[in-house]
């Protein structure tokens, strides 16, 4: 149990992984959404998602060529919120940036592509 708990907190102890969890706390997102929002290369985002998946924090589903990720439990978002609250109580700012809503200009997923095609 101690090893599993340590693995969980180790997965949380990375700024980009926390941002990914924050984004997924607002709903399922495809890898290309995460790339567009975080402005990081695909291999880097995939590596961070792998760590989160191995820790049991996220799960994926495929839709054609697109891979979507979601949190495995709403308690994950609550854990992040509690951490922010603790830091606020200690006088430290702990706000995560706002999550943009799809469609995203830099995203080529079916959700964003369909939205842009409807606008034409």
N, C-alpha and C. Protein backbone atom coordinates (compact mmCIF):
# COMPACT_ATOMS: atom_id res chain seq x y z
N UNK A 1 0.81 -1.19 0.00
CA UNK A 1 0.00 0.00 0.00
C UNK A 1 0.86 1.26 0.00
N UNK A 2 1.92 1.30 0.80
CA UNK A 2 2.78 2.48 0.87
C UNK A 2 3.41 2.78 -0.48
N UNK A 3 3.83 1.74 -1.18
CA UNK A 3 4.45 1.93 -2.49
C UNK A 3 3.43 2.50 -3.47
N UNK A 4 2.21 1.98 -3.45
CA UNK A 4 1.17 2.48 -4.36
C UNK A 4 0.85 3.94 -4.07
N UNK A 5 0.77 4.30 -2.79
CA UNK A 5 0.48 5.69 -2.42
C UNK A 5 1.62 6.60 -2.85
N UNK A 6 2.85 6.15 -2.67
CA UNK A 6 4.01 6.93 -3.10
C UNK A 6 3.99 7.11 -4.62
N UNK A 7 3.60 6.07 -5.36
CA UNK A 7 3.52 6.15 -6.82
C UNK A 7 2.45 7.17 -7.24
N UNK A 8 1.34 7.17 -6.52
CA UNK A 8 0.27 8.13 -6.79
C UNK A 8 0.78 9.56 -6.62
N UNK A 9 1.40 9.84 -5.48
CA UNK A 9 1.88 11.20 -5.22
C UNK A 9 3.04 11.58 -6.13
N UNK A 10 3.84 10.62 -6.52
CA UNK A 10 4.92 10.90 -7.47
C UNK A 10 4.33 11.32 -8.82
N UNK A 11 3.26 10.66 -9.24
CA UNK A 11 2.61 11.03 -10.50
C UNK A 11 2.02 12.43 -10.42
N UNK A 12 1.55 12.82 -9.25
CA UNK A 12 0.98 14.16 -9.07
C UNK A 12 2.05 15.24 -8.95
N UNK A 13 3.28 14.85 -8.65
CA UNK A 13 4.35 15.80 -8.35
C UNK A 13 5.07 16.30 -9.60
N UNK A 14 4.31 16.72 -10.59
CA UNK A 14 4.89 17.24 -11.82
C UNK A 14 3.94 18.30 -12.37
N UNK A 15 4.44 19.50 -12.65
CA UNK A 15 3.55 20.59 -13.08
C UNK A 15 2.70 20.28 -14.31
N UNK A 16 3.28 19.66 -15.32
CA UNK A 16 2.51 19.37 -16.54
C UNK A 16 1.47 18.29 -16.27
N UNK A 17 1.81 17.29 -15.49
CA UNK A 17 0.82 16.26 -15.16
C UNK A 17 -0.33 16.85 -14.36
N UNK A 18 -0.04 17.78 -13.45
CA UNK A 18 -1.11 18.46 -12.72
C UNK A 18 -2.00 19.25 -13.67
N UNK A 19 -1.39 19.92 -14.65
CA UNK A 19 -2.17 20.67 -15.64
C UNK A 19 -3.06 19.73 -16.45
N UNK A 20 -2.52 18.59 -16.84
CA UNK A 20 -3.31 17.61 -17.59
C UNK A 20 -4.51 17.16 -16.76
N UNK A 21 -4.28 16.83 -15.50
CA UNK A 21 -5.38 16.40 -14.63
C UNK A 21 -6.40 17.51 -14.44
N UNK A 22 -5.93 18.75 -14.34
CA UNK A 22 -6.83 19.89 -14.21
C UNK A 22 -7.71 20.02 -15.46
N UNK A 23 -7.10 19.88 -16.62
CA UNK A 23 -7.86 19.95 -17.89
C UNK A 23 -8.88 18.82 -17.94
N UNK A 24 -8.45 17.60 -17.62
CA UNK A 24 -9.36 16.45 -17.68
C UNK A 24 -10.44 16.53 -16.60
N UNK A 25 -10.20 17.30 -15.56
CA UNK A 25 -11.23 17.52 -14.55
C UNK A 25 -12.43 18.28 -15.09
N UNK A 26 -12.24 18.94 -16.23
CA UNK A 26 -13.33 19.66 -16.90
C UNK A 26 -14.02 18.80 -17.95
N UNK A 27 -13.53 17.58 -18.12
CA UNK A 27 -14.14 16.66 -19.09
C UNK A 27 -13.09 15.98 -19.95
N UNK A 28 -13.54 14.98 -20.64
CA UNK A 28 -12.68 14.20 -21.52
C UNK A 28 -12.01 15.11 -22.55
N UNK A 29 -10.76 14.78 -22.90
CA UNK A 29 -10.03 15.56 -23.91
C UNK A 29 -9.15 14.62 -24.72
N UNK A 30 -9.01 14.96 -25.99
CA UNK A 30 -8.12 14.17 -26.86
C UNK A 30 -6.69 14.65 -26.68
N UNK A 31 -5.76 13.85 -27.12
CA UNK A 31 -4.35 14.19 -27.00
C UNK A 31 -4.06 15.50 -27.73
N UNK A 32 -4.66 15.70 -28.91
CA UNK A 32 -4.37 16.93 -29.66
C UNK A 32 -4.89 18.17 -28.93
N UNK A 33 -5.97 18.04 -28.15
CA UNK A 33 -6.43 19.15 -27.31
C UNK A 33 -5.36 19.48 -26.27
N UNK A 34 -4.83 18.45 -25.63
CA UNK A 34 -3.81 18.67 -24.60
C UNK A 34 -2.57 19.32 -25.20
N UNK A 35 -2.18 18.89 -26.39
CA UNK A 35 -1.03 19.48 -27.08
C UNK A 35 -1.30 20.95 -27.37
N UNK A 36 -2.50 21.27 -27.87
CA UNK A 36 -2.85 22.65 -28.22
C UNK A 36 -2.91 23.54 -26.98
N UNK A 37 -3.48 23.04 -25.90
CA UNK A 37 -3.62 23.84 -24.68
C UNK A 37 -2.28 24.04 -23.99
N UNK A 38 -1.51 22.97 -23.86
CA UNK A 38 -0.26 23.03 -23.10
C UNK A 38 0.94 23.47 -23.93
N UNK A 39 0.78 23.49 -25.25
CA UNK A 39 1.85 23.91 -26.15
C UNK A 39 3.14 23.11 -25.91
N UNK A 40 2.96 21.81 -25.86
CA UNK A 40 4.09 20.88 -25.69
C UNK A 40 4.03 19.87 -26.83
N UNK A 41 5.15 19.26 -27.20
CA UNK A 41 5.14 18.28 -28.29
C UNK A 41 4.39 17.00 -27.90
N UNK A 42 3.88 16.34 -28.92
CA UNK A 42 3.08 15.13 -28.72
C UNK A 42 3.81 14.05 -27.93
N UNK A 43 5.09 13.75 -28.23
CA UNK A 43 5.76 12.70 -27.46
C UNK A 43 5.83 13.03 -25.96
N UNK A 44 6.03 14.30 -25.64
CA UNK A 44 6.12 14.71 -24.24
C UNK A 44 4.77 14.53 -23.54
N UNK A 45 3.69 14.96 -24.19
CA UNK A 45 2.35 14.81 -23.62
C UNK A 45 2.03 13.33 -23.45
N UNK A 46 2.35 12.52 -24.45
CA UNK A 46 2.09 11.08 -24.37
C UNK A 46 2.86 10.43 -23.22
N UNK A 47 4.09 10.87 -23.02
CA UNK A 47 4.89 10.34 -21.91
C UNK A 47 4.23 10.67 -20.57
N UNK A 48 3.77 11.90 -20.41
CA UNK A 48 3.12 12.30 -19.16
C UNK A 48 1.80 11.55 -18.96
N UNK A 49 1.06 11.36 -20.03
CA UNK A 49 -0.18 10.58 -19.94
C UNK A 49 0.10 9.14 -19.55
N UNK A 50 1.21 8.58 -20.04
CA UNK A 50 1.59 7.22 -19.66
C UNK A 50 1.85 7.09 -18.17
N UNK A 51 2.51 8.08 -17.60
CA UNK A 51 2.76 8.07 -16.15
C UNK A 51 1.43 8.14 -15.39
N UNK A 52 0.55 9.02 -15.85
CA UNK A 52 -0.76 9.16 -15.19
C UNK A 52 -1.60 7.89 -15.33
N UNK A 53 -1.53 7.26 -16.50
CA UNK A 53 -2.28 6.02 -16.73
C UNK A 53 -1.73 4.90 -15.84
N UNK A 54 -0.41 4.80 -15.77
CA UNK A 54 0.22 3.76 -14.94
C UNK A 54 -0.12 3.94 -13.46
N UNK A 55 -0.31 5.19 -13.03
CA UNK A 55 -0.67 5.47 -11.64
C UNK A 55 -2.17 5.28 -11.40
N UNK A 56 -2.92 4.98 -12.47
CA UNK A 56 -4.35 4.75 -12.33
C UNK A 56 -5.18 6.02 -12.23
N UNK A 57 -4.61 7.15 -12.68
CA UNK A 57 -5.31 8.43 -12.57
C UNK A 57 -6.14 8.76 -13.81
N UNK A 58 -5.73 8.24 -14.97
CA UNK A 58 -6.47 8.49 -16.21
C UNK A 58 -6.68 7.18 -16.95
N UNK A 59 -7.68 7.20 -17.82
CA UNK A 59 -7.93 6.08 -18.72
C UNK A 59 -8.23 6.64 -20.10
N UNK A 60 -8.05 5.81 -21.11
CA UNK A 60 -8.24 6.31 -22.47
C UNK A 60 -9.27 5.49 -23.22
N UNK A 61 -9.73 6.08 -24.31
CA UNK A 61 -10.59 5.37 -25.27
C UNK A 61 -10.23 5.89 -26.66
N UNK A 62 -10.38 5.01 -27.63
CA UNK A 62 -10.06 5.37 -29.02
C UNK A 62 -11.34 5.59 -29.81
N UNK A 63 -11.27 6.59 -30.65
CA UNK A 63 -12.35 6.85 -31.61
C UNK A 63 -11.66 7.08 -32.95
N UNK A 64 -11.59 6.02 -33.74
CA UNK A 64 -10.81 6.09 -34.98
C UNK A 64 -9.34 6.25 -34.64
N UNK A 65 -8.72 7.30 -35.17
CA UNK A 65 -7.31 7.56 -34.90
C UNK A 65 -7.10 8.45 -33.68
N UNK A 66 -8.18 8.96 -33.12
CA UNK A 66 -8.09 9.90 -32.01
C UNK A 66 -8.20 9.17 -30.67
N UNK A 67 -7.31 9.52 -29.74
CA UNK A 67 -7.32 8.94 -28.40
C UNK A 67 -7.81 10.01 -27.42
N UNK A 68 -8.85 9.67 -26.66
CA UNK A 68 -9.42 10.57 -25.67
C UNK A 68 -9.04 10.07 -24.28
N UNK A 69 -8.79 11.00 -23.38
CA UNK A 69 -8.44 10.67 -21.99
C UNK A 69 -9.46 11.28 -21.05
N UNK A 70 -9.66 10.61 -19.92
CA UNK A 70 -10.54 11.12 -18.86
C UNK A 70 -9.99 10.66 -17.52
N UNK A 71 -10.42 11.35 -16.47
CA UNK A 71 -10.03 10.96 -15.12
C UNK A 71 -10.72 9.64 -14.76
N UNK A 72 -10.07 8.84 -13.96
CA UNK A 72 -10.68 7.58 -13.53
C UNK A 72 -11.64 7.79 -12.36
N UNK A 73 -11.54 8.94 -11.69
CA UNK A 73 -12.41 9.23 -10.55
C UNK A 73 -12.52 10.74 -10.35
N UNK A 74 -13.70 11.22 -9.98
CA UNK A 74 -13.84 12.66 -9.66
C UNK A 74 -13.04 13.04 -8.42
N UNK A 75 -12.64 12.07 -7.63
CA UNK A 75 -11.85 12.36 -6.42
C UNK A 75 -10.47 12.93 -6.76
N UNK A 76 -10.00 12.68 -7.97
CA UNK A 76 -8.70 13.22 -8.39
C UNK A 76 -8.77 14.74 -8.45
N UNK A 77 -9.84 15.27 -9.03
CA UNK A 77 -10.01 16.72 -9.10
C UNK A 77 -10.16 17.29 -7.69
N UNK A 78 -10.83 16.56 -6.83
CA UNK A 78 -10.99 16.99 -5.44
C UNK A 78 -9.64 17.03 -4.73
N UNK A 79 -8.78 16.05 -5.00
CA UNK A 79 -7.44 16.02 -4.41
C UNK A 79 -6.63 17.25 -4.82
N UNK A 80 -6.72 17.62 -6.08
CA UNK A 80 -6.02 18.82 -6.57
C UNK A 80 -6.59 20.06 -5.89
N UNK A 81 -7.91 20.13 -5.79
CA UNK A 81 -8.56 21.28 -5.15
C UNK A 81 -8.12 21.40 -3.69
N UNK A 82 -8.03 20.28 -2.99
CA UNK A 82 -7.60 20.31 -1.59
C UNK A 82 -6.15 20.79 -1.46
N UNK A 83 -5.30 20.38 -2.39
CA UNK A 83 -3.92 20.86 -2.40
C UNK A 83 -3.85 22.36 -2.60
N UNK A 84 -4.67 22.88 -3.52
CA UNK A 84 -4.73 24.32 -3.74
C UNK A 84 -5.21 25.04 -2.48
N UNK A 85 -6.22 24.49 -1.85
CA UNK A 85 -6.78 25.08 -0.64
C UNK A 85 -5.72 25.13 0.47
N UNK A 86 -4.98 24.07 0.63
CA UNK A 86 -3.93 24.02 1.64
C UNK A 86 -2.88 25.10 1.38
N UNK A 87 -2.47 25.25 0.13
CA UNK A 87 -1.48 26.27 -0.21
C UNK A 87 -2.02 27.68 0.02
N UNK A 88 -3.30 27.90 -0.29
CA UNK A 88 -3.92 29.20 -0.04
C UNK A 88 -3.91 29.53 1.44
N UNK A 89 -4.20 28.53 2.27
CA UNK A 89 -4.19 28.73 3.72
C UNK A 89 -2.80 29.10 4.22
N UNK A 90 -1.78 28.64 3.53
CA UNK A 90 -0.40 28.95 3.90
C UNK A 90 0.09 30.24 3.26
N UNK A 91 -0.81 30.94 2.56
CA UNK A 91 -0.46 32.21 1.94
C UNK A 91 0.22 32.10 0.59
N UNK A 92 0.15 30.94 -0.03
CA UNK A 92 0.75 30.76 -1.35
C UNK A 92 -0.34 30.70 -2.41
N UNK A 93 -0.10 31.33 -3.54
CA UNK A 93 -1.07 31.30 -4.63
C UNK A 93 -0.99 29.95 -5.32
N UNK A 94 -2.12 29.32 -5.52
CA UNK A 94 -2.12 27.97 -6.10
C UNK A 94 -3.22 27.83 -7.14
N UNK A 95 -3.41 28.84 -7.97
CA UNK A 95 -4.45 28.77 -9.00
C UNK A 95 -3.89 28.13 -10.26
N UNK A 96 -4.65 27.24 -10.83
CA UNK A 96 -4.30 26.67 -12.13
C UNK A 96 -4.98 27.50 -13.21
N UNK A 97 -4.39 27.61 -14.40
CA UNK A 97 -4.97 28.44 -15.45
C UNK A 97 -6.33 27.91 -15.91
N UNK A 98 -7.13 28.83 -16.46
CA UNK A 98 -8.44 28.45 -17.01
C UNK A 98 -8.25 27.49 -18.17
N UNK A 99 -9.20 26.61 -18.34
CA UNK A 99 -9.15 25.61 -19.42
C UNK A 99 -9.99 26.12 -20.59
N UNK A 100 -9.38 26.32 -21.77
CA UNK A 100 -10.17 26.77 -22.92
C UNK A 100 -11.13 25.69 -23.40
N UNK A 101 -12.26 26.13 -23.91
CA UNK A 101 -13.27 25.20 -24.43
C UNK A 101 -13.01 24.91 -25.90
N UNK A 102 -13.31 23.71 -26.36
CA UNK A 102 -13.21 23.43 -27.80
C UNK A 102 -14.24 24.27 -28.55
N UNK A 103 -14.02 24.58 -29.78
CA UNK A 103 -12.92 24.13 -30.62
C UNK A 103 -11.66 24.95 -30.38
N UNK A 104 -10.54 24.30 -30.56
CA UNK A 104 -9.24 24.95 -30.41
C UNK A 104 -8.62 25.15 -31.78
N UNK A 105 -8.05 26.32 -32.00
CA UNK A 105 -7.47 26.64 -33.31
C UNK A 105 -6.39 25.65 -33.75
N UNK A 106 -5.58 25.19 -32.82
CA UNK A 106 -4.45 24.33 -33.15
C UNK A 106 -4.76 22.84 -33.07
N UNK A 107 -6.03 22.48 -32.96
CA UNK A 107 -6.40 21.09 -32.76
C UNK A 107 -7.04 20.52 -34.04
N UNK A 108 -6.68 19.30 -34.37
CA UNK A 108 -7.20 18.66 -35.58
C UNK A 108 -8.12 17.48 -35.27
N UNK A 109 -8.59 17.39 -34.02
CA UNK A 109 -9.45 16.26 -33.65
C UNK A 109 -10.82 16.38 -34.33
N UNK A 110 -11.60 15.31 -34.36
CA UNK A 110 -12.92 15.34 -35.00
C UNK A 110 -13.86 16.40 -34.41
N UNK A 111 -13.77 16.66 -33.12
CA UNK A 111 -14.65 17.66 -32.49
C UNK A 111 -14.37 19.05 -33.05
N UNK A 112 -13.11 19.44 -33.07
CA UNK A 112 -12.74 20.77 -33.56
C UNK A 112 -12.92 20.87 -35.07
N UNK A 113 -12.55 19.83 -35.80
CA UNK A 113 -12.69 19.84 -37.25
C UNK A 113 -14.16 19.96 -37.65
N UNK A 114 -15.04 19.21 -36.99
CA UNK A 114 -16.47 19.28 -37.30
C UNK A 114 -17.01 20.67 -37.03
N UNK A 115 -16.56 21.31 -35.97
CA UNK A 115 -17.03 22.65 -35.65
C UNK A 115 -16.62 23.63 -36.75
N UNK A 116 -15.37 23.56 -37.20
CA UNK A 116 -14.90 24.47 -38.23
C UNK A 116 -15.57 24.20 -39.57
N UNK A 117 -15.88 22.94 -39.88
CA UNK A 117 -16.56 22.62 -41.13
C UNK A 117 -17.98 23.16 -41.13
N UNK A 118 -18.64 23.16 -39.96
CA UNK A 118 -19.99 23.71 -39.86
C UNK A 118 -19.99 25.21 -40.09
N UNK A 119 -18.88 25.88 -39.78
CA UNK A 119 -18.79 27.33 -39.93
C UNK A 119 -18.58 27.73 -41.38
N UNK A 120 -18.13 26.80 -42.22
CA UNK A 120 -17.85 27.12 -43.64
C UNK A 120 -19.11 27.20 -44.47
